[in-house]
Amino acid sequence: MKYLLIRPLLTYALVLTSLLAVAQQGAAAKGSLFIIGGGDKSPELIQELIKTADMRSKDYVVVLPMSSGFPERSFEAIQQELSVATRNHIACFNFDASKVNDRKWLDSLTGARLIYITGGDQNRFMKVVLNTPVYKAIHQAYQNGATVAGTSAGAAVMSKYMITGDQLLGDTAYKATFDQLRFGNVEFQEGLGLLDSVIIDQHFVRRSRYNRLISALAAHPGFDCIGIDEGTAIIVKQKKIRVAGESQVLRIASPLKLKVTKSKHLKMEGLQFSLYTAGDTFYTK
């Protein structure tokens, strides 16, 4: 008799747990994204970051420097910039294979009010983070209300489909600016996926990355492709985006009559093209 009673209760508990998990995944994140296009950050942009994070006295910042080849130097640079704008504690968690399961570090990461991902190499960052508890902790912090910020490589990792920076066709040596517009030329890897329908490119105007972003749009025509220039940021709250900083943000989307020739050259008859500056707002799909 006890067995007959316990079994339905267990089944009910498992179903309830699954439903709660699905509901939590579908719920809109309470946090914000502060995505910087790289380059120098003005004191005003740093102040905007701290304002977005809305930190109380006991809140703290966690810096993730794994993109950088010089993580200690990278941490010290952003620590100095942030310390001018806030008195909140700033910690550095340089995760590696020996630390990705460290419960104290993971709990602290989950509880951070502001998570900052430094520049460097986005591929280096994702090799450390992907399919680990660190990835889950970042998402949980974001769901709970944290601001997740990143610059340069730390901007690229925000996307589900992350631009690695490498061309796949012709001369595949790394170039800051793509030299052709052909289908299949952009290499993507899995990013953090904090943006699930947006592809981010950084250093955009300074490095003339139009070819790269148009190629990314051709690969994922249902996405918004956003290029952020240096010294400039987008602040994302659910589907709403606001621009801050000194330069411009470009958005391209919805290509019309997209076609690919036998030589893999792209052609289309139009697309949505928008250019924004500080204070402008727009919405993603």
C-alpha atoms as a PDB file:
ATOM      1  CA  MET A   1       0.000   0.000   0.000  1.00  0.00           C
ATOM      2  CA  LYS A   2       2.795   2.476   0.886  1.00  0.00           C
ATOM      3  CA  TYR A   3       4.516   1.703  -2.423  1.00  0.00           C
ATOM      4  CA  LEU A   4       1.278   2.403  -4.335  1.00  0.00           C
ATOM      5  CA  LEU A   5       0.968   5.811  -2.656  1.00  0.00           C
ATOM      6  CA  ILE A   6       4.616   6.836  -3.000  1.00  0.00           C
ATOM      7  CA  ARG A   7       4.931   6.023  -6.705  1.00  0.00           C
ATOM      8  CA  PRO A   8       2.199   8.496  -7.885  1.00  0.00           C
ATOM      9  CA  LEU A   9       3.659  11.150  -5.584  1.00  0.00           C
ATOM     10  CA  LEU A  10       7.099  10.684  -7.087  1.00  0.00           C
ATOM     11  CA  THR A  11       5.684  10.854 -10.601  1.00  0.00           C
ATOM     12  CA  TYR A  12       3.804  14.050  -9.733  1.00  0.00           C
ATOM     13  CA  ALA A  13       6.952  15.597  -8.237  1.00  0.00           C
ATOM     14  CA  LEU A  14       8.998  14.800 -11.336  1.00  0.00           C
ATOM     15  CA  VAL A  15       6.362  16.281 -13.639  1.00  0.00           C
ATOM     16  CA  LEU A  16       6.105  19.415 -11.481  1.00  0.00           C
ATOM     17  CA  THR A  17       9.895  19.832 -11.462  1.00  0.00           C
ATOM     18  CA  SER A  18      10.020  19.524 -15.266  1.00  0.00           C
ATOM     19  CA  LEU A  19       7.209  22.069 -15.713  1.00  0.00           C
ATOM     20  CA  LEU A  20       8.949  24.528 -13.398  1.00  0.00           C
ATOM     21  CA  ALA A  21      12.219  24.117 -15.301  1.00  0.00           C
ATOM     22  CA  VAL A  22      10.487  24.767 -18.626  1.00  0.00           C
ATOM     23  CA  ALA A  23       8.711  27.810 -17.202  1.00  0.00           C
ATOM     24  CA  GLN A  24      11.965  29.214 -15.864  1.00  0.00           C
ATOM     25  CA  GLN A  25      13.716  28.749 -19.227  1.00  0.00           C
ATOM     26  CA  GLY A  26      10.864  30.496 -21.028  1.00  0.00           C
ATOM     27  CA  ALA A  27      10.682  33.399 -18.587  1.00  0.00           C
ATOM     28  CA  ALA A  28      12.224  36.683 -19.657  1.00  0.00           C
ATOM     29  CA  ALA A  29      15.540  37.395 -17.978  1.00  0.00           C
ATOM     30  CA  LYS A  30      15.414  40.050 -15.263  1.00  0.00           C
ATOM     31  CA  GLY A  31      18.933  41.257 -16.030  1.00  0.00           C
ATOM     32  CA  SER A  32      20.496  43.490 -18.660  1.00  0.00           C
ATOM     33  CA  LEU A  33      23.299  43.194 -21.183  1.00  0.00           C
ATOM     34  CA  PHE A  34      25.855  45.983 -21.590  1.00  0.00           C
ATOM     35  CA  ILE A  35      27.722  45.223 -24.801  1.00  0.00           C
ATOM     36  CA  ILE A  36      30.704  47.422 -25.705  1.00  0.00           C
ATOM     37  CA  GLY A  37      32.261  47.490 -29.168  1.00  0.00           C
ATOM     38  CA  GLY A  38      35.817  47.627 -27.830  1.00  0.00           C
ATOM     39  CA  GLY A  39      38.402  50.390 -27.749  1.00  0.00           C
ATOM     40  CA  ASP A  40      38.692  53.032 -25.060  1.00  0.00           C
ATOM     41  CA  LYS A  41      35.786  53.462 -22.667  1.00  0.00           C
ATOM     42  CA  SER A  42      34.996  57.003 -21.562  1.00  0.00           C
ATOM     43  CA  PRO A  43      34.312  57.724 -17.874  1.00  0.00           C
ATOM     44  CA  GLU A  44      30.734  58.492 -18.914  1.00  0.00           C
ATOM     45  CA  LEU A  45      30.349  55.030 -20.456  1.00  0.00           C
ATOM     46  CA  ILE A  46      31.678  53.396 -17.289  1.00  0.00           C
ATOM     47  CA  GLN A  47      29.241  55.475 -15.241  1.00  0.00           C
ATOM     48  CA  GLU A  48      26.439  54.280 -17.518  1.00  0.00           C
ATOM     49  CA  LEU A  49      27.519  50.678 -16.914  1.00  0.00           C
ATOM     50  CA  ILE A  50      27.417  51.118 -13.136  1.00  0.00           C
ATOM     51  CA  LYS A  51      24.048  52.847 -13.374  1.00  0.00           C
ATOM     52  CA  THR A  52      22.665  49.972 -15.456  1.00  0.00           C
ATOM     53  CA  ALA A  53      23.863  47.404 -12.911  1.00  0.00           C
ATOM     54  CA  ASP A  54      22.032  49.318 -10.130  1.00  0.00           C
ATOM     55  CA  MET A  55      24.248  47.905  -7.398  1.00  0.00           C
ATOM     56  CA  ARG A  56      23.445  48.137  -3.700  1.00  0.00           C
ATOM     57  CA  SER A  57      26.067  48.388  -0.973  1.00  0.00           C
ATOM     58  CA  LYS A  58      26.500  44.619  -0.576  1.00  0.00           C
ATOM     59  CA  ASP A  59      26.534  43.838  -4.299  1.00  0.00           C
ATOM     60  CA  TYR A  60      29.764  43.027  -6.106  1.00  0.00           C
ATOM     61  CA  VAL A  61      31.364  42.748  -9.530  1.00  0.00           C
ATOM     62  CA  VAL A  62      32.929  39.605 -11.003  1.00  0.00           C
ATOM     63  CA  VAL A  63      35.402  40.052 -13.858  1.00  0.00           C
ATOM     64  CA  LEU A  64      35.936  37.087 -16.198  1.00  0.00           C
ATOM     65  CA  PRO A  65      39.278  37.628 -18.013  1.00  0.00           C
ATOM     66  CA  MET A  66      39.510  34.288 -19.849  1.00  0.00           C
ATOM     67  CA  SER A  67      39.404  35.913 -23.310  1.00  0.00           C
ATOM     68  CA  SER A  68      42.691  37.652 -22.638  1.00  0.00           C
ATOM     69  CA  GLY A  69      46.146  36.241 -23.169  1.00  0.00           C
ATOM     70  CA  PHE A  70      47.167  38.413 -20.200  1.00  0.00           C
ATOM     71  CA  PRO A  71      44.275  37.923 -17.768  1.00  0.00           C
ATOM     72  CA  GLU A  72      45.870  39.613 -14.754  1.00  0.00           C
ATOM     73  CA  ARG A  73      46.714  42.729 -16.763  1.00  0.00           C
ATOM     74  CA  SER A  74      43.250  42.739 -18.306  1.00  0.00           C
ATOM     75  CA  PHE A  75      41.617  42.516 -14.886  1.00  0.00           C
ATOM     76  CA  GLU A  76      43.756  45.297 -13.456  1.00  0.00           C
ATOM     77  CA  ALA A  77      42.792  47.619 -16.313  1.00  0.00           C
ATOM     78  CA  ILE A  78      39.040  47.208 -15.889  1.00  0.00           C
ATOM     79  CA  GLN A  79      39.332  47.184 -12.101  1.00  0.00           C
ATOM     80  CA  GLN A  80      40.962  50.608 -12.264  1.00  0.00           C
ATOM     81  CA  GLU A  81      38.232  51.954 -14.545  1.00  0.00           C
ATOM     82  CA  LEU A  82      35.376  50.551 -12.457  1.00  0.00           C
ATOM     83  CA  SER A  83      36.887  51.649  -9.137  1.00  0.00           C
ATOM     84  CA  VAL A  84      36.544  55.292 -10.161  1.00  0.00           C
ATOM     85  CA  ALA A  85      32.787  54.821 -10.532  1.00  0.00           C
ATOM     86  CA  THR A  86      31.929  52.409  -7.699  1.00  0.00           C
ATOM     87  CA  ARG A  87      33.098  51.359  -4.250  1.00  0.00           C
ATOM     88  CA  ASN A  88      31.589  47.898  -4.597  1.00  0.00           C
ATOM     89  CA  HIS A  89      33.950  44.940  -4.364  1.00  0.00           C
ATOM     90  CA  ILE A  90      35.477  43.802  -7.672  1.00  0.00           C
ATOM     91  CA  ALA A  91      36.625  40.153  -7.902  1.00  0.00           C
ATOM     92  CA  CYS A  92      38.524  38.322 -10.635  1.00  0.00           C
ATOM     93  CA  PHE A  93      37.622  34.711 -11.462  1.00  0.00           C
ATOM     94  CA  ASN A  94      40.028  33.404 -14.070  1.00  0.00           C
ATOM     95  CA  PHE A  95      38.340  30.056 -14.656  1.00  0.00           C
ATOM     96  CA  ASP A  96      40.274  27.183 -16.180  1.00  0.00           C
ATOM     97  CA  ALA A  97      39.803  23.397 -16.301  1.00  0.00           C
ATOM     98  CA  SER A  98      40.776  23.099 -12.627  1.00  0.00           C
ATOM     99  CA  LYS A  99      38.253  25.733 -11.506  1.00  0.00           C
ATOM    100  CA  VAL A 100      35.118  25.285 -13.633  1.00  0.00           C
ATOM    101  CA  ASN A 101      33.594  23.026 -10.960  1.00  0.00           C
ATOM    102  CA  ASP A 102      34.698  25.102  -7.967  1.00  0.00           C
ATOM    103  CA  ARG A 103      31.477  25.522  -5.980  1.00  0.00           C
ATOM    104  CA  LYS A 104      32.564  28.672  -4.123  1.00  0.00           C
ATOM    105  CA  TRP A 105      33.543  30.443  -7.336  1.00  0.00           C
ATOM    106  CA  LEU A 106      30.354  29.307  -9.081  1.00  0.00           C
ATOM    107  CA  ASP A 107      28.119  30.447  -6.234  1.00  0.00           C
ATOM    108  CA  SER A 108      29.855  33.825  -6.187  1.00  0.00           C
ATOM    109  CA  LEU A 109      29.457  34.147  -9.956  1.00  0.00           C
ATOM    110  CA  THR A 110      25.749  33.314  -9.726  1.00  0.00           C
ATOM    111  CA  GLY A 111      25.306  35.937  -7.016  1.00  0.00           C
ATOM    112  CA  ALA A 112      27.170  38.753  -8.792  1.00  0.00           C
ATOM    113  CA  ARG A 113      25.254  41.911  -9.634  1.00  0.00           C
ATOM    114  CA  LEU A 114      27.627  42.805 -12.473  1.00  0.00           C
ATOM    115  CA  ILE A 115      29.593  40.287 -14.565  1.00  0.00           C
ATOM    116  CA  TYR A 116      32.217  41.789 -16.878  1.00  0.00           C
ATOM    117  CA  ILE A 117      33.836  39.790 -19.709  1.00  0.00           C
ATOM    118  CA  THR A 118      37.079  41.305 -20.955  1.00  0.00           C
ATOM    119  CA  GLY A 119      38.406  41.561 -24.490  1.00  0.00           C
ATOM    120  CA  GLY A 120      40.904  39.275 -26.179  1.00  0.00           C
ATOM    121  CA  ASP A 121      39.894  36.166 -28.119  1.00  0.00           C
ATOM    122  CA  GLN A 122      36.252  35.035 -27.939  1.00  0.00           C
ATOM    123  CA  ASN A 123      37.241  31.509 -28.954  1.00  0.00           C
ATOM    124  CA  ARG A 124      39.581  31.269 -25.972  1.00  0.00           C
ATOM    125  CA  PHE A 125      36.761  32.309 -23.646  1.00  0.00           C
ATOM    126  CA  MET A 126      34.219  29.821 -24.985  1.00  0.00           C
ATOM    127  CA  LYS A 127      36.702  26.932 -24.870  1.00  0.00           C
ATOM    128  CA  VAL A 128      36.863  27.447 -21.120  1.00  0.00           C
ATOM    129  CA  VAL A 129      33.156  28.111 -20.519  1.00  0.00           C
ATOM    130  CA  LEU A 130      31.091  26.052 -22.973  1.00  0.00           C
ATOM    131  CA  ASN A 131      29.343  22.988 -21.531  1.00  0.00           C
ATOM    132  CA  THR A 132      30.529  23.766 -18.000  1.00  0.00           C
ATOM    133  CA  PRO A 133      28.811  25.003 -14.816  1.00  0.00           C
ATOM    134  CA  VAL A 134      30.333  28.438 -15.541  1.00  0.00           C
ATOM    135  CA  TYR A 135      28.055  28.793 -18.564  1.00  0.00           C
ATOM    136  CA  LYS A 136      25.035  27.888 -16.422  1.00  0.00           C
ATOM    137  CA  ALA A 137      26.091  30.267 -13.641  1.00  0.00           C
ATOM    138  CA  ILE A 138      26.294  33.226 -16.039  1.00  0.00           C
ATOM    139  CA  HIS A 139      22.816  32.445 -17.365  1.00  0.00           C
ATOM    140  CA  GLN A 140      21.418  32.036 -13.858  1.00  0.00           C
ATOM    141  CA  ALA A 141      22.875  35.375 -12.747  1.00  0.00           C
ATOM    142  CA  TYR A 142      21.352  37.036 -15.819  1.00  0.00           C
ATOM    143  CA  GLN A 143      17.969  35.426 -15.150  1.00  0.00           C
ATOM    144  CA  ASN A 144      18.111  36.646 -11.544  1.00  0.00           C
ATOM    145  CA  GLY A 145      18.745  40.272 -12.495  1.00  0.00           C
ATOM    146  CA  ALA A 146      22.495  40.683 -13.004  1.00  0.00           C
ATOM    147  CA  THR A 147      23.960  42.893 -15.701  1.00  0.00           C
ATOM    148  CA  VAL A 148      26.300  40.922 -17.972  1.00  0.00           C
ATOM    149  CA  ALA A 149      28.783  43.206 -19.706  1.00  0.00           C
ATOM    150  CA  GLY A 150      31.523  42.575 -22.228  1.00  0.00           C
ATOM    151  CA  THR A 151      33.841  44.434 -24.542  1.00  0.00           C
ATOM    152  CA  SER A 152      35.313  43.375 -27.901  1.00  0.00           C
ATOM    153  CA  ALA A 153      35.647  39.576 -27.577  1.00  0.00           C
ATOM    154  CA  GLY A 154      33.399  39.913 -24.537  1.00  0.00           C
ATOM    155  CA  ALA A 155      30.799  41.435 -26.866  1.00  0.00           C
ATOM    156  CA  ALA A 156      31.057  38.694 -29.494  1.00  0.00           C
ATOM    157  CA  VAL A 157      30.382  35.914 -26.957  1.00  0.00           C
ATOM    158  CA  MET A 158      26.913  37.307 -26.166  1.00  0.00           C
ATOM    159  CA  SER A 159      25.446  35.819 -29.357  1.00  0.00           C
ATOM    160  CA  LYS A 160      24.133  32.301 -29.852  1.00  0.00           C
ATOM    161  CA  TYR A 161      26.010  32.205 -33.162  1.00  0.00           C
ATOM    162  CA  MET A 162      29.349  33.805 -32.323  1.00  0.00           C
ATOM    163  CA  ILE A 163      31.541  35.256 -35.063  1.00  0.00           C
ATOM    164  CA  THR A 164      35.026  33.829 -34.525  1.00  0.00           C
ATOM    165  CA  GLY A 165      36.704  36.417 -36.754  1.00  0.00           C
ATOM    166  CA  ASP A 166      38.030  33.918 -39.311  1.00  0.00           C
ATOM    167  CA  GLN A 167      37.219  33.690 -43.022  1.00  0.00           C
ATOM    168  CA  LEU A 168      36.568  30.214 -44.436  1.00  0.00           C
ATOM    169  CA  LEU A 169      37.017  30.927 -48.165  1.00  0.00           C
ATOM    170  CA  GLY A 170      40.035  32.056 -50.155  1.00  0.00           C
ATOM    171  CA  ASP A 171      42.896  33.449 -48.102  1.00  0.00           C
ATOM    172  CA  THR A 172      41.965  32.302 -44.594  1.00  0.00           C
ATOM    173  CA  ALA A 173      44.703  34.240 -42.795  1.00  0.00           C
ATOM    174  CA  TYR A 174      43.113  36.474 -40.153  1.00  0.00           C
ATOM    175  CA  LYS A 175      42.145  39.939 -41.359  1.00  0.00           C
ATOM    176  CA  ALA A 176      40.456  42.635 -39.325  1.00  0.00           C
ATOM    177  CA  THR A 177      38.285  43.386 -42.393  1.00  0.00           C
ATOM    178  CA  PHE A 178      36.842  40.735 -44.727  1.00  0.00           C
ATOM    179  CA  ASP A 179      37.878  41.184 -48.358  1.00  0.00           C
ATOM    180  CA  GLN A 180      34.906  39.461 -50.007  1.00  0.00           C
ATOM    181  CA  LEU A 181      31.132  38.980 -49.816  1.00  0.00           C
ATOM    182  CA  ARG A 182      30.492  35.280 -50.368  1.00  0.00           C
ATOM    183  CA  PHE A 183      28.154  32.773 -48.774  1.00  0.00           C
ATOM    184  CA  GLY A 184      29.769  30.460 -46.226  1.00  0.00           C
ATOM    185  CA  ASN A 185      32.731  32.748 -45.607  1.00  0.00           C
ATOM    186  CA  VAL A 186      32.006  33.519 -41.939  1.00  0.00           C
ATOM    187  CA  GLU A 187      33.013  31.026 -39.285  1.00  0.00           C
ATOM    188  CA  PHE A 188      30.632  30.728 -36.328  1.00  0.00           C
ATOM    189  CA  GLN A 189      31.037  28.920 -33.054  1.00  0.00           C
ATOM    190  CA  GLU A 190      28.580  28.527 -30.201  1.00  0.00           C
ATOM    191  CA  GLY A 191      28.567  31.564 -27.928  1.00  0.00           C
ATOM    192  CA  LEU A 192      26.860  32.224 -24.606  1.00  0.00           C
ATOM    193  CA  GLY A 193      23.485  32.651 -26.291  1.00  0.00           C
ATOM    194  CA  LEU A 194      22.371  35.484 -24.015  1.00  0.00           C
ATOM    195  CA  LEU A 195      21.151  36.964 -27.302  1.00  0.00           C
ATOM    196  CA  ASP A 196      19.276  34.215 -29.145  1.00  0.00           C
ATOM    197  CA  SER A 197      18.284  36.085 -32.318  1.00  0.00           C
ATOM    198  CA  VAL A 198      21.073  38.672 -32.616  1.00  0.00           C
ATOM    199  CA  ILE A 199      24.613  38.419 -33.992  1.00  0.00           C
ATOM    200  CA  ILE A 200      27.101  40.953 -32.626  1.00  0.00           C
ATOM    201  CA  ASP A 201      30.172  42.355 -34.348  1.00  0.00           C
ATOM    202  CA  GLN A 202      32.570  44.748 -32.616  1.00  0.00           C
ATOM    203  CA  HIS A 203      35.124  47.484 -33.491  1.00  0.00           C
ATOM    204  CA  PHE A 204      32.651  47.934 -36.291  1.00  0.00           C
ATOM    205  CA  VAL A 205      33.076  51.334 -37.921  1.00  0.00           C
ATOM    206  CA  ARG A 206      36.755  51.615 -37.019  1.00  0.00           C
ATOM    207  CA  ARG A 207      37.587  48.348 -38.795  1.00  0.00           C
ATOM    208  CA  SER A 208      35.001  48.595 -41.624  1.00  0.00           C
ATOM    209  CA  ARG A 209      33.402  45.231 -40.877  1.00  0.00           C
ATOM    210  CA  TYR A 210      30.455  45.651 -43.256  1.00  0.00           C
ATOM    211  CA  ASN A 211      31.453  42.678 -45.431  1.00  0.00           C
ATOM    212  CA  ARG A 212      31.687  40.456 -42.379  1.00  0.00           C
ATOM    213  CA  LEU A 213      28.319  41.473 -40.958  1.00  0.00           C
ATOM    214  CA  ILE A 214      26.486  41.230 -44.298  1.00  0.00           C
ATOM    215  CA  SER A 215      27.965  37.746 -44.715  1.00  0.00           C
ATOM    216  CA  ALA A 216      26.745  36.860 -41.218  1.00  0.00           C
ATOM    217  CA  LEU A 217      23.255  38.075 -42.109  1.00  0.00           C
ATOM    218  CA  ALA A 218      23.268  35.927 -45.254  1.00  0.00           C
ATOM    219  CA  ALA A 219      24.083  32.907 -43.110  1.00  0.00           C
ATOM    220  CA  HIS A 220      21.266  33.736 -40.637  1.00  0.00           C
ATOM    221  CA  PRO A 221      18.750  35.914 -42.525  1.00  0.00           C
ATOM    222  CA  GLY A 222      16.161  35.717 -39.745  1.00  0.00           C
ATOM    223  CA  PHE A 223      18.512  37.386 -37.246  1.00  0.00           C
ATOM    224  CA  ASP A 224      19.294  40.998 -36.414  1.00  0.00           C
ATOM    225  CA  CYS A 225      22.976  41.658 -37.085  1.00  0.00           C
ATOM    226  CA  ILE A 226      24.363  44.512 -34.997  1.00  0.00           C
ATOM    227  CA  GLY A 227      27.757  46.169 -35.405  1.00  0.00           C
ATOM    228  CA  ILE A 228      28.984  48.227 -32.444  1.00  0.00           C
ATOM    229  CA  ASP A 229      31.784  50.723 -32.886  1.00  0.00           C
ATOM    230  CA  GLU A 230      34.591  51.376 -30.418  1.00  0.00           C
ATOM    231  CA  GLY A 231      33.801  53.451 -27.352  1.00  0.00           C
ATOM    232  CA  THR A 232      30.123  52.640 -27.852  1.00  0.00           C
ATOM    233  CA  ALA A 233      27.690  50.208 -26.241  1.00  0.00           C
ATOM    234  CA  ILE A 234      24.230  48.782 -26.568  1.00  0.00           C
ATOM    235  CA  ILE A 235      22.220  48.229 -23.405  1.00  0.00           C
ATOM    236  CA  VAL A 236      19.795  45.340 -23.846  1.00  0.00           C
ATOM    237  CA  LYS A 237      16.753  44.791 -21.640  1.00  0.00           C
ATOM    238  CA  GLN A 238      14.739  41.909 -23.055  1.00  0.00           C
ATOM    239  CA  LYS A 239      13.924  43.067 -26.624  1.00  0.00           C
ATOM    240  CA  LYS A 240      14.640  46.770 -26.122  1.00  0.00           C
ATOM    241  CA  ILE A 241      18.067  48.181 -27.009  1.00  0.00           C
ATOM    242  CA  ARG A 242      19.449  51.602 -26.106  1.00  0.00           C
ATOM    243  CA  VAL A 243      22.688  53.069 -27.472  1.00  0.00           C
ATOM    244  CA  ALA A 244      25.316  54.773 -25.292  1.00  0.00           C
ATOM    245  CA  GLY A 245      28.804  56.100 -25.978  1.00  0.00           C
ATOM    246  CA  GLU A 246      30.688  58.222 -28.463  1.00  0.00           C
ATOM    247  CA  SER A 247      30.188  56.620 -31.879  1.00  0.00           C
ATOM    248  CA  GLN A 248      27.600  54.562 -33.767  1.00  0.00           C
ATOM    249  CA  VAL A 249      25.720  51.273 -33.846  1.00  0.00           C
ATOM    250  CA  LEU A 250      24.587  49.693 -37.111  1.00  0.00           C
ATOM    251  CA  ARG A 251      21.736  47.202 -37.473  1.00  0.00           C
ATOM    252  CA  ILE A 252      20.987  45.182 -40.607  1.00  0.00           C
ATOM    253  CA  ALA A 253      18.148  42.676 -40.947  1.00  0.00           C
ATOM    254  CA  SER A 254      15.524  41.122 -43.233  1.00  0.00           C
ATOM    255  CA  PRO A 255      17.362  40.723 -46.560  1.00  0.00           C
ATOM    256  CA  LEU A 256      15.048  40.673 -49.590  1.00  0.00           C
ATOM    257  CA  LYS A 257      15.383  38.074 -52.343  1.00  0.00           C
ATOM    258  CA  LEU A 258      18.642  36.747 -50.952  1.00  0.00           C
ATOM    259  CA  LYS A 259      20.389  34.534 -53.498  1.00  0.00           C
ATOM    260  CA  VAL A 260      23.760  32.818 -53.885  1.00  0.00           C
ATOM    261  CA  THR A 261      25.500  32.401 -57.243  1.00  0.00           C
ATOM    262  CA  LYS A 262      27.473  29.328 -58.307  1.00  0.00           C
ATOM    263  CA  SER A 263      30.644  31.139 -57.225  1.00  0.00           C
ATOM    264  CA  LYS A 264      28.990  31.737 -53.800  1.00  0.00           C
ATOM    265  CA  HIS A 265      28.707  35.481 -54.324  1.00  0.00           C
ATOM    266  CA  LEU A 266      25.806  37.023 -52.446  1.00  0.00           C
ATOM    267  CA  LYS A 267      23.094  39.140 -53.942  1.00  0.00           C
ATOM    268  CA  MET A 268      19.891  40.661 -52.585  1.00  0.00           C
ATOM    269  CA  GLU A 269      17.493  43.436 -53.567  1.00  0.00           C
ATOM    270  CA  GLY A 270      17.328  45.172 -50.227  1.00  0.00           C
ATOM    271  CA  LEU A 271      17.590  44.900 -46.468  1.00  0.00           C
ATOM    272  CA  GLN A 272      16.762  46.921 -43.389  1.00  0.00           C
ATOM    273  CA  PHE A 273      19.691  49.232 -42.641  1.00  0.00           C
ATOM    274  CA  SER A 274      19.686  51.463 -39.562  1.00  0.00           C
ATOM    275  CA  LEU A 275      22.362  53.589 -37.941  1.00  0.00           C
ATOM    276  CA  TYR A 276      22.065  54.801 -34.337  1.00  0.00           C
ATOM    277  CA  THR A 277      23.899  57.079 -31.914  1.00  0.00           C
ATOM    278  CA  ALA A 278      23.771  57.698 -28.161  1.00  0.00           C
ATOM    279  CA  GLY A 279      20.264  57.901 -26.708  1.00  0.00           C
ATOM    280  CA  ASP A 280      18.564  56.101 -29.609  1.00  0.00           C
ATOM    281  CA  THR A 281      16.442  53.047 -28.895  1.00  0.00           C
ATOM    282  CA  PHE A 282      15.246  50.184 -31.071  1.00  0.00           C
ATOM    283  CA  TYR A 283      13.912  46.666 -30.691  1.00  0.00           C
ATOM    284  CA  THR A 284      15.121  43.236 -31.721  1.00  0.00           C
ATOM    285  CA  LYS A 285      12.879  40.552 -33.212  1.00  0.00           C
END
